Amino acid sequence: MGQRGATAAFMPNKFVFPGGAVDAGDGAIPFTASLNASCTARLNDQSTTSPEALAGAAIRELWEETGLILGQPGLWADAPPDWQSYAAQGMRPDPSALRFVFRAITPPGRPRRFDARFFLLDASKLQSDVDDFTHAADELRHLQWVPLVRARSFDLPFITEVVLAEISALLPSLEAPATVPFFNNDDEESLFLRLKATGSAPG
């Protein structure tokens, strides 16, 4: 996790997971392997953003905000601009270890709103030194691995506390969950749903 800046317009000083917006080119990245099929089905449920774009954004943001690399060794001469610093490490992205575990839409009235998907990952799948944050951008301060038993003592956004509770219930398994919680705080009402597969009914 890392701490957002004190002057940030959204969630100042909060400790958060690395993440950010999907970029236009994230859905066309040439992965070295496929995203888990069950996760793909859950990501497609009630979503207009492709699972590949979401997974690509997760890998890119992980690299940009922490300097940690999820991928496989390989040359990538034609990487898009947002991916060139990643490709320069001699890596190509591999989303196969990602596990989709949570989705949340920010309630109305907040300074900024997001439709966030949260992924779980076994750190042993990272290709970089898990304690080396030297390649990280300056978006997050105090980057560190936080034990689950200590995480709730940090200044966290409410939704992050909910996600941590969900992760605690899943571990030690890293299998893709059968359903994924979805806090849907849209403009009409707030719903707690379970994502299943494309076209499935909420509930």
N, C-alpha and C. Protein backbone atom coordinates (compact mmCIF):
# COMPACT_ATOMS: atom_id res chain seq x y z
N MET A 1 0.84 -1.17 0.00
CA MET A 1 0.00 0.00 0.00
C MET A 1 0.89 1.24 0.00
N GLY A 2 0.27 2.37 -0.31
CA GLY A 2 0.99 3.64 -0.27
C GLY A 2 0.05 4.74 0.17
N GLN A 3 0.61 5.86 0.59
CA GLN A 3 -0.19 6.96 1.11
C GLN A 3 -0.35 8.06 0.06
N ARG A 4 -1.59 8.49 -0.15
CA ARG A 4 -1.85 9.60 -1.05
C ARG A 4 -1.40 10.91 -0.42
N GLY A 5 -1.09 11.89 -1.25
CA GLY A 5 -0.58 13.16 -0.76
C GLY A 5 -1.61 13.95 0.02
N ALA A 6 -1.12 14.82 0.89
CA ALA A 6 -2.01 15.63 1.73
C ALA A 6 -2.84 16.61 0.92
N THR A 7 -2.35 17.00 -0.27
CA THR A 7 -3.07 17.97 -1.09
C THR A 7 -3.89 17.31 -2.19
N ALA A 8 -3.96 15.98 -2.21
CA ALA A 8 -4.73 15.29 -3.24
C ALA A 8 -6.21 15.66 -3.13
N ALA A 9 -6.86 15.87 -4.28
CA ALA A 9 -8.28 16.24 -4.27
C ALA A 9 -9.16 15.08 -3.83
N PHE A 10 -8.66 13.87 -4.02
CA PHE A 10 -9.45 12.68 -3.72
C PHE A 10 -8.72 11.83 -2.70
N MET A 11 -9.35 11.56 -1.58
CA MET A 11 -8.78 10.71 -0.52
C MET A 11 -7.41 11.18 -0.04
N PRO A 12 -7.23 12.43 0.33
CA PRO A 12 -5.92 12.90 0.81
C PRO A 12 -5.49 12.14 2.05
N ASN A 13 -4.19 11.82 2.10
CA ASN A 13 -3.54 11.16 3.24
C ASN A 13 -3.97 9.71 3.47
N LYS A 14 -4.88 9.20 2.67
CA LYS A 14 -5.34 7.83 2.88
C LYS A 14 -4.31 6.84 2.34
N PHE A 15 -4.21 5.69 3.01
CA PHE A 15 -3.42 4.58 2.48
C PHE A 15 -4.30 3.76 1.55
N VAL A 16 -3.78 3.48 0.36
CA VAL A 16 -4.57 2.82 -0.68
C VAL A 16 -3.73 1.77 -1.39
N PHE A 17 -4.42 0.93 -2.15
CA PHE A 17 -3.74 0.02 -3.06
C PHE A 17 -3.31 0.79 -4.30
N PRO A 18 -2.26 0.33 -5.00
CA PRO A 18 -1.93 0.95 -6.29
C PRO A 18 -3.07 0.75 -7.27
N GLY A 19 -3.30 1.74 -8.12
CA GLY A 19 -4.36 1.62 -9.10
C GLY A 19 -4.60 2.94 -9.80
N GLY A 20 -5.49 2.92 -10.78
CA GLY A 20 -5.79 4.13 -11.52
C GLY A 20 -6.70 3.84 -12.69
N ALA A 21 -6.86 4.82 -13.56
CA ALA A 21 -7.81 4.74 -14.66
C ALA A 21 -7.30 3.85 -15.79
N VAL A 22 -8.25 3.29 -16.53
CA VAL A 22 -7.93 2.54 -17.74
C VAL A 22 -7.55 3.52 -18.84
N ASP A 23 -6.42 3.31 -19.47
CA ASP A 23 -6.00 4.14 -20.60
C ASP A 23 -6.53 3.55 -21.90
N ALA A 24 -6.58 4.39 -22.93
CA ALA A 24 -7.19 3.98 -24.20
C ALA A 24 -6.54 2.73 -24.78
N GLY A 25 -5.23 2.59 -24.63
CA GLY A 25 -4.54 1.46 -25.24
C GLY A 25 -4.45 0.20 -24.40
N ASP A 26 -4.97 0.24 -23.18
CA ASP A 26 -4.79 -0.91 -22.28
C ASP A 26 -5.50 -2.16 -22.77
N GLY A 27 -6.55 -2.01 -23.58
CA GLY A 27 -7.30 -3.18 -24.04
C GLY A 27 -6.69 -3.88 -25.22
N ALA A 28 -5.64 -3.31 -25.80
CA ALA A 28 -5.02 -3.91 -26.99
C ALA A 28 -3.59 -4.37 -26.72
N ILE A 29 -3.26 -4.56 -25.45
CA ILE A 29 -1.91 -4.98 -25.08
C ILE A 29 -1.72 -6.47 -25.40
N PRO A 30 -0.61 -6.85 -26.03
CA PRO A 30 -0.36 -8.26 -26.35
C PRO A 30 0.14 -9.02 -25.12
N PHE A 31 -0.76 -9.66 -24.40
CA PHE A 31 -0.39 -10.43 -23.23
C PHE A 31 0.37 -11.69 -23.62
N THR A 32 1.19 -12.18 -22.70
CA THR A 32 1.90 -13.44 -22.93
C THR A 32 1.06 -14.64 -22.55
N ALA A 33 -0.04 -14.43 -21.83
CA ALA A 33 -0.95 -15.51 -21.42
C ALA A 33 -2.33 -14.89 -21.21
N SER A 34 -3.32 -15.74 -21.07
CA SER A 34 -4.70 -15.26 -20.94
C SER A 34 -5.04 -14.98 -19.48
N LEU A 35 -5.96 -14.07 -19.29
CA LEU A 35 -6.55 -13.84 -17.98
C LEU A 35 -7.37 -15.06 -17.58
N ASN A 36 -7.38 -15.36 -16.28
CA ASN A 36 -8.15 -16.50 -15.77
C ASN A 36 -9.59 -16.45 -16.31
N ALA A 37 -10.10 -17.60 -16.78
CA ALA A 37 -11.41 -17.64 -17.44
C ALA A 37 -12.54 -17.26 -16.49
N SER A 38 -12.48 -17.71 -15.24
CA SER A 38 -13.53 -17.36 -14.28
C SER A 38 -13.53 -15.86 -13.99
N CYS A 39 -12.33 -15.29 -13.86
CA CYS A 39 -12.24 -13.84 -13.63
C CYS A 39 -12.77 -13.06 -14.83
N THR A 40 -12.49 -13.56 -16.03
CA THR A 40 -12.99 -12.92 -17.23
C THR A 40 -14.52 -12.88 -17.22
N ALA A 41 -15.14 -13.99 -16.83
CA ALA A 41 -16.60 -14.04 -16.78
C ALA A 41 -17.16 -13.06 -15.76
N ARG A 42 -16.55 -12.97 -14.58
CA ARG A 42 -17.03 -12.04 -13.55
C ARG A 42 -16.82 -10.59 -13.99
N LEU A 43 -15.70 -10.30 -14.63
CA LEU A 43 -15.42 -8.94 -15.10
C LEU A 43 -16.40 -8.50 -16.19
N ASN A 44 -16.89 -9.45 -16.97
CA ASN A 44 -17.85 -9.14 -18.03
C ASN A 44 -19.24 -8.86 -17.50
N ASP A 45 -19.56 -9.35 -16.29
CA ASP A 45 -20.90 -9.19 -15.74
C ASP A 45 -21.18 -7.73 -15.42
N GLN A 46 -22.21 -7.15 -16.06
CA GLN A 46 -22.65 -5.78 -15.81
C GLN A 46 -21.53 -4.76 -16.06
N SER A 47 -20.75 -4.98 -17.10
CA SER A 47 -19.62 -4.10 -17.41
C SER A 47 -19.52 -3.87 -18.90
N THR A 48 -19.14 -2.65 -19.28
CA THR A 48 -18.91 -2.33 -20.69
C THR A 48 -17.42 -2.18 -20.99
N THR A 49 -16.57 -2.33 -19.99
CA THR A 49 -15.12 -2.27 -20.18
C THR A 49 -14.59 -3.68 -20.30
N SER A 50 -13.75 -3.94 -21.29
CA SER A 50 -13.28 -5.30 -21.52
C SER A 50 -12.40 -5.79 -20.38
N PRO A 51 -12.48 -7.09 -20.05
CA PRO A 51 -11.60 -7.65 -19.02
C PRO A 51 -10.12 -7.42 -19.34
N GLU A 52 -9.77 -7.47 -20.62
CA GLU A 52 -8.37 -7.28 -21.02
C GLU A 52 -7.90 -5.86 -20.70
N ALA A 53 -8.78 -4.88 -20.92
CA ALA A 53 -8.42 -3.49 -20.61
C ALA A 53 -8.24 -3.30 -19.11
N LEU A 54 -9.12 -3.93 -18.31
CA LEU A 54 -9.03 -3.82 -16.86
C LEU A 54 -7.76 -4.49 -16.34
N ALA A 55 -7.46 -5.66 -16.85
CA ALA A 55 -6.24 -6.36 -16.43
C ALA A 55 -5.00 -5.60 -16.88
N GLY A 56 -5.02 -5.07 -18.10
CA GLY A 56 -3.89 -4.28 -18.59
C GLY A 56 -3.65 -3.06 -17.73
N ALA A 57 -4.73 -2.36 -17.37
CA ALA A 57 -4.60 -1.19 -16.51
C ALA A 57 -4.03 -1.55 -15.15
N ALA A 58 -4.46 -2.69 -14.60
CA ALA A 58 -3.97 -3.13 -13.30
C ALA A 58 -2.45 -3.37 -13.34
N ILE A 59 -1.98 -4.04 -14.38
CA ILE A 59 -0.55 -4.33 -14.50
C ILE A 59 0.25 -3.04 -14.71
N ARG A 60 -0.27 -2.15 -15.57
CA ARG A 60 0.43 -0.89 -15.84
C ARG A 60 0.48 0.00 -14.60
N GLU A 61 -0.65 0.13 -13.90
CA GLU A 61 -0.67 0.97 -12.70
C GLU A 61 0.20 0.39 -11.59
N LEU A 62 0.23 -0.94 -11.47
CA LEU A 62 1.11 -1.57 -10.49
C LEU A 62 2.56 -1.17 -10.77
N TRP A 63 2.96 -1.21 -12.03
CA TRP A 63 4.31 -0.83 -12.42
C TRP A 63 4.56 0.65 -12.15
N GLU A 64 3.64 1.52 -12.59
CA GLU A 64 3.85 2.95 -12.48
C GLU A 64 3.91 3.40 -11.01
N GLU A 65 3.04 2.87 -10.18
CA GLU A 65 2.92 3.38 -8.80
C GLU A 65 3.82 2.66 -7.80
N THR A 66 4.32 1.47 -8.15
CA THR A 66 5.18 0.74 -7.21
C THR A 66 6.51 0.31 -7.80
N GLY A 67 6.62 0.26 -9.14
CA GLY A 67 7.83 -0.27 -9.76
C GLY A 67 7.89 -1.78 -9.75
N LEU A 68 6.79 -2.44 -9.38
CA LEU A 68 6.75 -3.90 -9.36
C LEU A 68 6.21 -4.42 -10.70
N ILE A 69 6.78 -5.54 -11.17
CA ILE A 69 6.49 -6.03 -12.52
C ILE A 69 5.76 -7.35 -12.47
N LEU A 70 4.56 -7.36 -13.08
CA LEU A 70 3.84 -8.60 -13.33
C LEU A 70 3.93 -8.87 -14.83
N GLY A 71 4.66 -9.92 -15.19
CA GLY A 71 4.85 -10.20 -16.61
C GLY A 71 5.79 -11.36 -16.81
N GLN A 72 6.27 -11.48 -18.05
CA GLN A 72 7.23 -12.52 -18.41
C GLN A 72 8.34 -11.87 -19.23
N PRO A 73 9.58 -12.39 -19.13
CA PRO A 73 10.66 -11.82 -19.92
C PRO A 73 10.37 -11.90 -21.42
N GLY A 74 10.68 -10.83 -22.12
CA GLY A 74 10.48 -10.81 -23.56
C GLY A 74 10.65 -9.42 -24.12
N LEU A 75 11.07 -9.33 -25.38
CA LEU A 75 11.23 -8.05 -26.04
C LEU A 75 9.89 -7.52 -26.49
N TRP A 76 9.71 -6.21 -26.41
CA TRP A 76 8.45 -5.57 -26.78
C TRP A 76 8.81 -4.24 -27.43
N ALA A 77 9.17 -4.33 -28.71
CA ALA A 77 9.71 -3.17 -29.41
C ALA A 77 8.66 -2.11 -29.73
N ASP A 78 7.38 -2.51 -29.86
CA ASP A 78 6.34 -1.58 -30.29
C ASP A 78 5.38 -1.22 -29.16
N ALA A 79 5.87 -1.20 -27.94
CA ALA A 79 5.01 -0.88 -26.80
C ALA A 79 4.45 0.53 -26.94
N PRO A 80 3.16 0.75 -26.58
CA PRO A 80 2.60 2.10 -26.62
C PRO A 80 3.32 3.02 -25.64
N PRO A 81 3.17 4.34 -25.79
CA PRO A 81 3.90 5.29 -24.93
C PRO A 81 3.74 5.02 -23.44
N ASP A 82 2.53 4.72 -22.99
CA ASP A 82 2.30 4.51 -21.56
C ASP A 82 2.97 3.25 -21.03
N TRP A 83 3.39 2.37 -21.92
CA TRP A 83 3.99 1.10 -21.53
C TRP A 83 5.49 1.03 -21.80
N GLN A 84 6.08 2.07 -22.35
CA GLN A 84 7.47 1.97 -22.78
C GLN A 84 8.44 1.79 -21.63
N SER A 85 8.18 2.42 -20.48
CA SER A 85 9.09 2.24 -19.34
C SER A 85 9.00 0.80 -18.81
N TYR A 86 7.82 0.21 -18.89
CA TYR A 86 7.65 -1.20 -18.51
C TYR A 86 8.41 -2.09 -19.49
N ALA A 87 8.20 -1.86 -20.79
CA ALA A 87 8.85 -2.68 -21.81
C ALA A 87 10.37 -2.56 -21.74
N ALA A 88 10.85 -1.40 -21.30
CA ALA A 88 12.30 -1.19 -21.20
C ALA A 88 12.95 -2.10 -20.17
N GLN A 89 12.15 -2.70 -19.30
CA GLN A 89 12.68 -3.65 -18.32
C GLN A 89 12.86 -5.05 -18.93
N GLY A 90 12.56 -5.18 -20.23
CA GLY A 90 12.68 -6.47 -20.90
C GLY A 90 11.54 -7.41 -20.54
N MET A 91 10.35 -6.85 -20.34
CA MET A 91 9.20 -7.64 -19.91
C MET A 91 8.00 -7.41 -20.81
N ARG A 92 7.14 -8.43 -20.85
CA ARG A 92 5.84 -8.34 -21.50
C ARG A 92 4.78 -8.73 -20.47
N PRO A 93 3.60 -8.08 -20.47
CA PRO A 93 2.62 -8.31 -19.41
C PRO A 93 1.94 -9.67 -19.48
N ASP A 94 1.73 -10.25 -18.31
CA ASP A 94 1.08 -11.55 -18.15
C ASP A 94 0.02 -11.43 -17.05
N PRO A 95 -1.29 -11.44 -17.40
CA PRO A 95 -2.34 -11.26 -16.40
C PRO A 95 -2.84 -12.56 -15.77
N SER A 96 -2.23 -13.69 -16.10
CA SER A 96 -2.80 -14.98 -15.71
C SER A 96 -2.87 -15.20 -14.20
N ALA A 97 -2.03 -14.50 -13.42
CA ALA A 97 -2.04 -14.68 -11.97
C ALA A 97 -3.03 -13.76 -11.27
N LEU A 98 -3.62 -12.80 -11.99
CA LEU A 98 -4.56 -11.88 -11.37
C LEU A 98 -5.86 -12.59 -11.00
N ARG A 99 -6.40 -12.26 -9.83
CA ARG A 99 -7.69 -12.79 -9.39
C ARG A 99 -8.60 -11.61 -9.06
N PHE A 100 -9.71 -11.50 -9.78
CA PHE A 100 -10.68 -10.43 -9.57
C PHE A 100 -11.49 -10.75 -8.32
N VAL A 101 -11.48 -9.83 -7.33
CA VAL A 101 -12.11 -10.15 -6.05
C VAL A 101 -13.15 -9.14 -5.58
N PHE A 102 -13.24 -7.94 -6.21
CA PHE A 102 -14.16 -6.94 -5.68
C PHE A 102 -14.37 -5.85 -6.72
N ARG A 103 -15.59 -5.27 -6.72
CA ARG A 103 -15.89 -4.11 -7.55
C ARG A 103 -16.70 -3.12 -6.73
N ALA A 104 -16.44 -1.83 -6.91
CA ALA A 104 -17.18 -0.80 -6.17
C ALA A 104 -17.29 0.46 -7.01
N ILE A 105 -18.48 1.07 -7.00
CA ILE A 105 -18.71 2.36 -7.62
C ILE A 105 -18.91 3.38 -6.50
N THR A 106 -18.16 4.48 -6.57
CA THR A 106 -18.21 5.52 -5.55
C THR A 106 -19.62 6.13 -5.48
N PRO A 107 -20.13 6.40 -4.27
CA PRO A 107 -21.44 7.04 -4.15
C PRO A 107 -21.46 8.44 -4.76
N PRO A 108 -22.64 8.93 -5.18
CA PRO A 108 -22.74 10.30 -5.70
C PRO A 108 -22.34 11.31 -4.65
N GLY A 109 -21.93 12.49 -5.12
CA GLY A 109 -21.60 13.59 -4.21
C GLY A 109 -20.16 13.64 -3.78
N ARG A 110 -19.34 12.67 -4.19
CA ARG A 110 -17.93 12.69 -3.84
C ARG A 110 -17.15 13.58 -4.81
N PRO A 111 -15.97 14.13 -4.38
CA PRO A 111 -15.19 15.00 -5.28
C PRO A 111 -14.84 14.32 -6.59
N ARG A 112 -14.55 13.03 -6.52
CA ARG A 112 -14.31 12.24 -7.72
C ARG A 112 -15.01 10.89 -7.55
N ARG A 113 -15.46 10.35 -8.66
CA ARG A 113 -16.13 9.05 -8.60
C ARG A 113 -15.33 8.05 -9.42
N PHE A 114 -15.41 6.79 -9.04
CA PHE A 114 -14.71 5.75 -9.78
C PHE A 114 -15.55 4.49 -9.81
N ASP A 115 -15.28 3.66 -10.79
CA ASP A 115 -15.84 2.31 -10.89
C ASP A 115 -14.63 1.39 -10.84
N ALA A 116 -14.29 0.92 -9.64
CA ALA A 116 -13.01 0.24 -9.42
C ALA A 116 -13.18 -1.27 -9.34
N ARG A 117 -12.24 -1.97 -9.95
CA ARG A 117 -12.13 -3.42 -9.79
C ARG A 117 -10.86 -3.70 -9.01
N PHE A 118 -10.94 -4.60 -8.05
CA PHE A 118 -9.80 -4.95 -7.20
C PHE A 118 -9.32 -6.36 -7.54
N PHE A 119 -8.01 -6.49 -7.68
CA PHE A 119 -7.41 -7.78 -8.02
C PHE A 119 -6.50 -8.24 -6.89
N LEU A 120 -6.46 -9.55 -6.69
CA LEU A 120 -5.57 -10.19 -5.73
C LEU A 120 -4.47 -10.90 -6.52
N LEU A 121 -3.26 -10.88 -5.99
CA LEU A 121 -2.12 -11.45 -6.71
C LEU A 121 -1.15 -12.07 -5.72
N ASP A 122 -0.66 -13.26 -6.04
CA ASP A 122 0.41 -13.90 -5.28
C ASP A 122 1.72 -13.19 -5.61
N ALA A 123 2.34 -12.57 -4.63
CA ALA A 123 3.55 -11.78 -4.86
C ALA A 123 4.69 -12.60 -5.45
N SER A 124 4.65 -13.91 -5.27
CA SER A 124 5.72 -14.74 -5.85
C SER A 124 5.66 -14.74 -7.38
N LYS A 125 4.56 -14.28 -7.96
CA LYS A 125 4.44 -14.21 -9.42
C LYS A 125 5.08 -12.96 -10.00
N LEU A 126 5.47 -12.02 -9.14
CA LEU A 126 6.13 -10.81 -9.62
C LEU A 126 7.53 -11.12 -10.10
N GLN A 127 7.95 -10.45 -11.15
CA GLN A 127 9.27 -10.70 -11.73
C GLN A 127 10.35 -9.81 -11.12
N SER A 128 9.94 -8.81 -10.36
CA SER A 128 10.89 -7.88 -9.77
C SER A 128 11.08 -8.20 -8.29
N ASP A 129 12.10 -7.58 -7.70
CA ASP A 129 12.32 -7.68 -6.26
C ASP A 129 11.13 -7.03 -5.56
N VAL A 130 10.42 -7.79 -4.72
CA VAL A 130 9.18 -7.28 -4.14
C VAL A 130 9.42 -6.12 -3.17
N ASP A 131 10.64 -5.92 -2.75
CA ASP A 131 10.94 -4.81 -1.83
C ASP A 131 11.63 -3.64 -2.52
N ASP A 132 11.72 -3.69 -3.85
CA ASP A 132 12.40 -2.64 -4.59
C ASP A 132 11.35 -1.72 -5.23
N PHE A 133 11.18 -0.53 -4.64
CA PHE A 133 10.22 0.45 -5.15
C PHE A 133 10.92 1.62 -5.85
N THR A 134 12.17 1.41 -6.25
CA THR A 134 12.95 2.53 -6.80
C THR A 134 12.42 3.02 -8.14
N HIS A 135 11.68 2.19 -8.86
CA HIS A 135 11.14 2.61 -10.16
C HIS A 135 9.75 3.23 -10.05
N ALA A 136 9.23 3.34 -8.84
CA ALA A 136 7.88 3.87 -8.65
C ALA A 136 7.82 5.36 -8.97
N ALA A 137 6.68 5.79 -9.52
CA ALA A 137 6.42 7.21 -9.67
C ALA A 137 6.16 7.81 -8.29
N ASP A 138 5.94 9.11 -8.24
CA ASP A 138 5.79 9.77 -6.94
C ASP A 138 4.33 9.96 -6.53
N GLU A 139 3.42 9.16 -7.10
CA GLU A 139 1.99 9.32 -6.77
C GLU A 139 1.68 8.87 -5.35
N LEU A 140 2.36 7.83 -4.87
CA LEU A 140 2.11 7.31 -3.53
C LEU A 140 3.39 7.43 -2.70
N ARG A 141 3.24 7.83 -1.44
CA ARG A 141 4.36 7.91 -0.51
C ARG A 141 4.32 6.70 0.42
N HIS A 142 5.43 6.47 1.09
CA HIS A 142 5.50 5.42 2.12
C HIS A 142 5.04 4.05 1.59
N LEU A 143 5.50 3.70 0.39
CA LEU A 143 5.15 2.40 -0.17
C LEU A 143 5.68 1.29 0.73
N GLN A 144 4.84 0.31 0.99
CA GLN A 144 5.24 -0.78 1.88
C GLN A 144 4.25 -1.94 1.77
N TRP A 145 4.76 -3.12 2.10
CA TRP A 145 3.88 -4.28 2.25
C TRP A 145 3.27 -4.22 3.65
N VAL A 146 1.96 -4.37 3.72
CA VAL A 146 1.25 -4.23 4.99
C VAL A 146 0.61 -5.57 5.36
N PRO A 147 1.00 -6.21 6.47
CA PRO A 147 0.34 -7.44 6.90
C PRO A 147 -1.15 -7.21 7.13
N LEU A 148 -1.97 -8.17 6.77
CA LEU A 148 -3.42 -8.02 6.94
C LEU A 148 -3.79 -7.70 8.38
N VAL A 149 -3.05 -8.28 9.33
CA VAL A 149 -3.40 -8.06 10.73
C VAL A 149 -3.14 -6.62 11.16
N ARG A 150 -2.33 -5.87 10.40
CA ARG A 150 -2.02 -4.48 10.74
C ARG A 150 -2.74 -3.48 9.85
N ALA A 151 -3.27 -3.93 8.73
CA ALA A 151 -3.77 -3.01 7.72
C ALA A 151 -4.84 -2.07 8.25
N ARG A 152 -5.72 -2.57 9.11
CA ARG A 152 -6.84 -1.75 9.55
C ARG A 152 -6.44 -0.70 10.59
N SER A 153 -5.18 -0.72 11.01
CA SER A 153 -4.70 0.33 11.90
C SER A 153 -4.24 1.56 11.11
N PHE A 154 -4.19 1.43 9.77
CA PHE A 154 -3.81 2.54 8.91
C PHE A 154 -5.04 3.39 8.61
N ASP A 155 -4.81 4.62 8.11
CA ASP A 155 -5.90 5.51 7.72
C ASP A 155 -6.36 5.09 6.33
N LEU A 156 -7.42 4.28 6.28
CA LEU A 156 -7.89 3.68 5.04
C LEU A 156 -9.23 4.26 4.61
N PRO A 157 -9.50 4.31 3.29
CA PRO A 157 -10.86 4.58 2.84
C PRO A 157 -11.78 3.45 3.31
N PHE A 158 -13.04 3.78 3.52
CA PHE A 158 -13.99 2.76 3.99
C PHE A 158 -14.03 1.56 3.05
N ILE A 159 -14.06 1.82 1.74
CA ILE A 159 -14.19 0.69 0.81
C ILE A 159 -12.97 -0.22 0.86
N THR A 160 -11.80 0.34 1.17
CA THR A 160 -10.60 -0.48 1.29
C THR A 160 -10.72 -1.42 2.49
N GLU A 161 -11.31 -0.95 3.57
CA GLU A 161 -11.55 -1.82 4.72
C GLU A 161 -12.47 -2.97 4.35
N VAL A 162 -13.48 -2.69 3.53
CA VAL A 162 -14.41 -3.74 3.09
C VAL A 162 -13.68 -4.76 2.21
N VAL A 163 -12.85 -4.27 1.30
CA VAL A 163 -12.09 -5.16 0.42
C VAL A 163 -11.14 -6.03 1.23
N LEU A 164 -10.47 -5.46 2.22
CA LEU A 164 -9.56 -6.24 3.06
C LEU A 164 -10.31 -7.35 3.81
N ALA A 165 -11.51 -7.06 4.26
CA ALA A 165 -12.31 -8.10 4.92
C ALA A 165 -12.63 -9.23 3.95
N GLU A 166 -12.94 -8.87 2.71
CA GLU A 166 -13.23 -9.88 1.70
C GLU A 166 -12.00 -10.73 1.39
N ILE A 167 -10.85 -10.08 1.27
CA ILE A 167 -9.61 -10.81 1.00
C ILE A 167 -9.28 -11.75 2.16
N SER A 168 -9.47 -11.28 3.38
CA SER A 168 -9.19 -12.12 4.55
C SER A 168 -10.03 -13.38 4.54
N ALA A 169 -11.28 -13.26 4.05
CA ALA A 169 -12.17 -14.42 4.00
C ALA A 169 -11.76 -15.40 2.90
N LEU A 170 -11.10 -14.90 1.85
CA LEU A 170 -10.69 -15.76 0.74
C LEU A 170 -9.41 -16.52 1.03
N LEU A 171 -8.47 -15.87 1.69
CA LEU A 171 -7.16 -16.47 1.93
C LEU A 171 -7.26 -17.65 2.89
N PRO A 172 -6.35 -18.64 2.75
CA PRO A 172 -5.12 -18.63 1.93
C PRO A 172 -5.32 -19.04 0.47
N SER A 173 -6.54 -19.37 0.07
CA SER A 173 -6.76 -19.77 -1.32
C SER A 173 -6.55 -18.59 -2.26
N LEU A 174 -5.94 -18.86 -3.40
CA LEU A 174 -5.81 -17.85 -4.44
C LEU A 174 -6.56 -18.28 -5.70
N GLU A 175 -7.54 -19.18 -5.51
CA GLU A 175 -8.40 -19.56 -6.62
C GLU A 175 -9.38 -18.42 -6.89
N ALA A 176 -9.83 -18.31 -8.12
CA ALA A 176 -10.81 -17.29 -8.46
C ALA A 176 -12.12 -17.57 -7.73
N PRO A 177 -12.69 -16.60 -7.01
CA PRO A 177 -13.93 -16.84 -6.28
C PRO A 177 -15.10 -17.10 -7.22
N ALA A 178 -16.07 -17.88 -6.75
CA ALA A 178 -17.22 -18.23 -7.58
C ALA A 178 -18.07 -17.02 -7.90
N THR A 179 -18.19 -16.09 -6.96
CA THR A 179 -18.88 -14.82 -7.19
C THR A 179 -18.04 -13.70 -6.60
N VAL A 180 -18.28 -12.49 -7.08
CA VAL A 180 -17.48 -11.33 -6.66
C VAL A 180 -18.41 -10.25 -6.13
N PRO A 181 -18.15 -9.71 -4.92
CA PRO A 181 -18.98 -8.63 -4.38
C PRO A 181 -18.90 -7.38 -5.25
N PHE A 182 -20.06 -6.70 -5.37
CA PHE A 182 -20.15 -5.47 -6.16
C PHE A 182 -20.98 -4.46 -5.39
N PHE A 183 -20.31 -3.41 -4.86
CA PHE A 183 -21.00 -2.28 -4.24
C PHE A 183 -21.35 -1.30 -5.36
N ASN A 184 -22.60 -1.28 -5.76
CA ASN A 184 -23.03 -0.45 -6.88
C ASN A 184 -23.75 0.78 -6.35
N ASN A 185 -23.01 1.85 -6.13
CA ASN A 185 -23.57 3.11 -5.65
C ASN A 185 -23.79 4.03 -6.84
N ASP A 186 -24.82 3.74 -7.63
CA ASP A 186 -25.07 4.58 -8.78
C ASP A 186 -25.94 5.77 -8.39
N ASP A 187 -26.41 6.52 -9.38
CA ASP A 187 -27.16 7.74 -9.10
C ASP A 187 -28.58 7.47 -8.60
N GLU A 188 -29.07 6.27 -8.75
CA GLU A 188 -30.45 5.96 -8.38
C GLU A 188 -30.55 5.33 -6.99
N GLU A 189 -29.69 4.36 -6.70
CA GLU A 189 -29.77 3.64 -5.44
C GLU A 189 -28.44 2.93 -5.17
N SER A 190 -28.28 2.47 -3.94
CA SER A 190 -27.09 1.71 -3.56
C SER A 190 -27.46 0.25 -3.43
N LEU A 191 -26.72 -0.60 -4.13
CA LEU A 191 -27.01 -2.02 -4.13
C LEU A 191 -25.76 -2.80 -3.81
N PHE A 192 -25.92 -3.93 -3.10
CA PHE A 192 -24.82 -4.87 -2.91
C PHE A 192 -25.17 -6.11 -3.71
N LEU A 193 -24.39 -6.35 -4.77
CA LEU A 193 -24.66 -7.44 -5.69
C LEU A 193 -23.54 -8.47 -5.65
N ARG A 194 -23.76 -9.59 -6.30
CA ARG A 194 -22.72 -10.60 -6.49
C ARG A 194 -22.56 -10.81 -7.99
N LEU A 195 -21.36 -10.55 -8.50
CA LEU A 195 -21.08 -10.75 -9.92
C LEU A 195 -20.83 -12.22 -10.17
N LYS A 196 -21.48 -12.72 -11.23
CA LYS A 196 -21.36 -14.15 -11.55
C LYS A 196 -20.74 -14.32 -12.92
N ALA A 197 -21.54 -14.27 -13.96
CA ALA A 197 -21.02 -14.40 -15.32
C ALA A 197 -21.87 -13.52 -16.22
N THR A 198 -21.42 -13.31 -17.44
CA THR A 198 -22.11 -12.41 -18.34
C THR A 198 -23.57 -12.78 -18.49
N GLY A 199 -24.43 -11.78 -18.28
CA GLY A 199 -25.85 -12.00 -18.45
C GLY A 199 -26.56 -12.58 -17.25
N SER A 200 -25.86 -12.87 -16.16
CA SER A 200 -26.50 -13.45 -14.98
C SER A 200 -27.29 -12.38 -14.25
N ALA A 201 -28.28 -12.82 -13.53
CA ALA A 201 -29.13 -11.89 -12.78
C ALA A 201 -28.44 -11.46 -11.51
N PRO A 202 -28.59 -10.18 -11.07
CA PRO A 202 -27.99 -9.75 -9.83
C PRO A 202 -28.64 -10.44 -8.65
N GLY A 203 -27.87 -10.52 -7.55
CA GLY A 203 -28.43 -11.14 -6.35
C GLY A 203 -27.35 -11.72 -5.48
